[in-house]
Amino acid sequence: MALLVSTRVLGKRKPLLDDFGVPPPAIDPEDGDVRLRDVIEHVVRHEVEQFGRRQRARTLDRVLSDAQISQAAARGKVDPASKDFKQEVDVEAAVGNALQAFEDGMYLVIIDEVERRSLDETVRLSENSRLVFLRLTFLAGA
C-alpha cells in the first residue's frame, strides 16, 4: 500500500511536482485512523529522506546510456559528472514549517477528495488513498 501524493498550485494547470508514492504512516490498529498532523509529518519526513538519497546519489560519476544522453541533449544539457552537494536539512524544522504553513492557511490538504481542515482531525486511509497538497496563491495586498 502506498499513498499517492499530488502537489498543485491554485490557478495553475501544471503540478508543482510529478505525483509520487509514499508508504502509509503508522495507523492506529484499533480504529484504522490517523491524525492529519501525523500524515503531513510522515510525508515531510519521507521526502526529506528521499532528498538525502538523491543528494548522495549525485556525488558519484554516472555512466550514461545512449538513450539517457539523447534525452539529456534534447533538454539542452548532458551532465554525467558528480556534484558535491552539502545541503543539510533539519527534519524537525521542515516538519514544523509544514505544520505551521497548514495552520497559516498557506496550503490545503485534500484526502480522497475531502478537504481536511484541522491538524487533529482523524482520517481514514485506504490502499487507494490520494493525498493532494494544494498551495494557495494570495492576492497582492491581502
Protein backbone atom coordinates (compact mmCIF):
# COMPACT_ATOMS: atom_id res chain seq x y z
CA MET A 1 0.00 0.00 0.00
CA ALA A 2 1.23 3.50 -0.83
CA LEU A 3 -0.37 6.92 -0.65
CA LEU A 4 -0.42 8.74 -3.97
CA VAL A 5 0.65 12.32 -3.33
CA SER A 6 -0.09 15.19 -5.71
CA THR A 7 1.09 18.78 -5.40
CA ARG A 8 -0.88 21.53 -7.07
CA VAL A 9 -1.00 25.32 -7.12
CA LEU A 10 -4.37 27.04 -7.19
CA GLY A 11 -4.93 28.57 -10.63
CA LYS A 12 -2.20 26.62 -12.44
CA ARG A 13 -2.64 23.58 -14.63
CA LYS A 14 0.84 22.16 -14.25
CA PRO A 15 1.56 20.45 -10.92
CA LEU A 16 4.46 21.59 -8.73
CA LEU A 17 5.91 18.07 -8.79
CA ASP A 18 5.11 14.83 -10.53
CA ASP A 19 2.81 12.63 -8.47
CA PHE A 20 4.72 10.30 -6.16
CA GLY A 21 4.04 7.46 -3.77
CA VAL A 22 4.71 7.45 -0.05
CA PRO A 23 4.40 4.43 2.22
CA PRO A 24 1.48 4.90 4.60
CA PRO A 25 2.07 6.23 8.11
CA ALA A 26 1.56 4.09 11.19
CA ILE A 27 -2.17 3.65 11.66
CA ASP A 28 -3.97 3.10 14.96
CA PRO A 29 -4.69 -0.67 14.95
CA GLU A 30 -7.88 -0.23 16.97
CA ASP A 31 -9.81 2.01 14.61
CA GLY A 32 -7.63 2.31 11.48
CA ASP A 33 -7.50 6.11 11.69
CA VAL A 34 -4.58 8.53 11.79
CA ARG A 35 -4.44 12.25 12.58
CA LEU A 36 -3.87 14.67 9.70
CA ARG A 37 -0.89 16.05 11.65
CA ASP A 38 0.75 12.60 11.53
CA VAL A 39 0.07 12.21 7.81
CA ILE A 40 1.70 15.56 6.97
CA GLU A 41 4.65 14.82 9.27
CA HIS A 42 5.09 11.40 7.69
CA VAL A 43 5.11 12.80 4.14
CA VAL A 44 7.61 15.53 5.06
CA ARG A 45 9.95 13.08 6.79
CA HIS A 46 9.76 10.70 3.83
CA GLU A 47 10.52 13.45 1.33
CA VAL A 48 13.47 14.77 3.37
CA GLU A 49 14.84 11.21 3.42
CA GLN A 50 14.35 10.90 -0.36
CA PHE A 51 16.07 14.27 -0.87
CA GLY A 52 19.09 12.98 1.07
CA ARG A 53 19.20 9.81 -1.04
CA ARG A 54 19.08 11.79 -4.29
CA GLN A 55 21.81 14.07 -2.97
CA ARG A 56 24.07 11.13 -2.07
CA ALA A 57 23.45 9.51 -5.46
CA ARG A 58 24.62 12.69 -7.21
CA THR A 59 28.01 12.53 -5.51
CA LEU A 60 29.03 9.69 -7.85
CA ASP A 61 30.01 9.95 -11.51
CA ARG A 62 27.40 8.29 -13.69
CA VAL A 63 27.77 6.25 -16.84
CA LEU A 64 25.02 7.29 -19.23
CA SER A 65 23.35 5.09 -21.82
CA ASP A 66 22.80 6.30 -25.38
CA ALA A 67 19.12 6.88 -24.59
CA GLN A 68 19.97 8.96 -21.48
CA ILE A 69 22.44 11.04 -23.49
CA SER A 70 19.83 11.65 -26.21
CA GLN A 71 17.18 12.63 -23.67
CA ALA A 72 19.55 14.97 -21.84
CA ALA A 73 20.69 16.53 -25.13
CA ALA A 74 17.07 17.17 -26.06
CA ARG A 75 16.64 19.03 -22.75
CA GLY A 76 19.79 21.03 -23.50
CA LYS A 77 22.32 19.63 -21.04
CA VAL A 78 24.24 16.35 -20.75
CA ASP A 79 25.94 16.12 -17.37
CA PRO A 80 27.26 12.81 -16.04
CA ALA A 81 29.60 14.45 -13.53
CA SER A 82 29.22 14.11 -9.79
CA LYS A 83 28.10 17.03 -7.66
CA ASP A 84 29.35 17.95 -4.23
CA PHE A 85 26.09 18.96 -2.56
CA LYS A 86 26.34 19.81 1.08
CA GLN A 87 22.78 20.86 1.81
CA GLU A 88 21.72 19.83 5.27
CA VAL A 89 18.01 19.62 6.06
CA ASP A 90 16.78 19.89 9.61
CA VAL A 91 13.95 17.35 9.59
CA GLU A 92 12.29 18.75 12.71
CA ALA A 93 12.34 22.28 11.28
CA ALA A 94 10.89 21.02 7.98
CA VAL A 95 8.06 19.25 9.82
CA GLY A 96 7.42 22.32 11.96
CA ASN A 97 7.36 24.58 8.91
CA ALA A 98 4.91 22.30 7.08
CA LEU A 99 2.55 22.14 10.06
CA GLN A 100 2.76 25.90 10.64
CA ALA A 101 2.12 26.61 6.94
CA PHE A 102 -1.02 24.46 7.11
CA GLU A 103 -2.20 26.30 10.23
CA ASP A 104 -1.49 29.64 8.50
CA GLY A 105 -3.63 28.65 5.50
CA MET A 106 -0.75 28.52 3.01
CA TYR A 107 -2.00 25.22 1.59
CA LEU A 108 -4.95 22.87 1.77
CA VAL A 109 -4.85 19.13 2.26
CA ILE A 110 -7.37 17.03 0.38
CA ILE A 111 -7.55 13.31 1.11
CA ASP A 112 -9.74 11.18 -1.12
CA GLU A 113 -11.49 14.30 -2.46
CA VAL A 114 -12.35 15.62 1.03
CA GLU A 115 -10.72 18.83 2.28
CA ARG A 116 -9.22 18.42 5.74
CA ARG A 117 -9.32 21.49 7.95
CA SER A 118 -7.72 20.56 11.26
CA LEU A 119 -4.37 19.01 12.13
CA ASP A 120 -6.05 17.00 14.88
CA GLU A 121 -8.77 15.66 12.58
CA THR A 122 -8.60 11.91 12.14
CA VAL A 123 -8.61 10.49 8.65
CA ARG A 124 -9.10 7.00 7.35
CA LEU A 125 -6.63 5.90 4.69
CA SER A 126 -7.12 3.06 2.25
CA GLU A 127 -4.71 1.41 -0.15
CA ASN A 128 -6.06 3.67 -2.91
CA SER A 129 -5.95 6.92 -0.93
CA ARG A 130 -4.90 10.04 -2.78
CA LEU A 131 -3.41 12.98 -0.91
CA VAL A 132 -3.34 16.41 -2.55
CA PHE A 133 -1.39 19.38 -1.24
CA LEU A 134 -2.94 22.47 -2.81
CA ARG A 135 -0.82 25.60 -2.43
CA LEU A 136 -2.89 28.75 -2.26
CA THR A 137 -1.94 31.96 -4.04
CA PHE A 138 -2.66 35.19 -2.24
CA LEU A 139 -3.61 38.44 -3.94
CA ALA A 140 -1.33 41.45 -3.61
CA GLY A 141 -2.31 43.50 -0.59
CA ALA A 142 -4.22 40.64 1.03
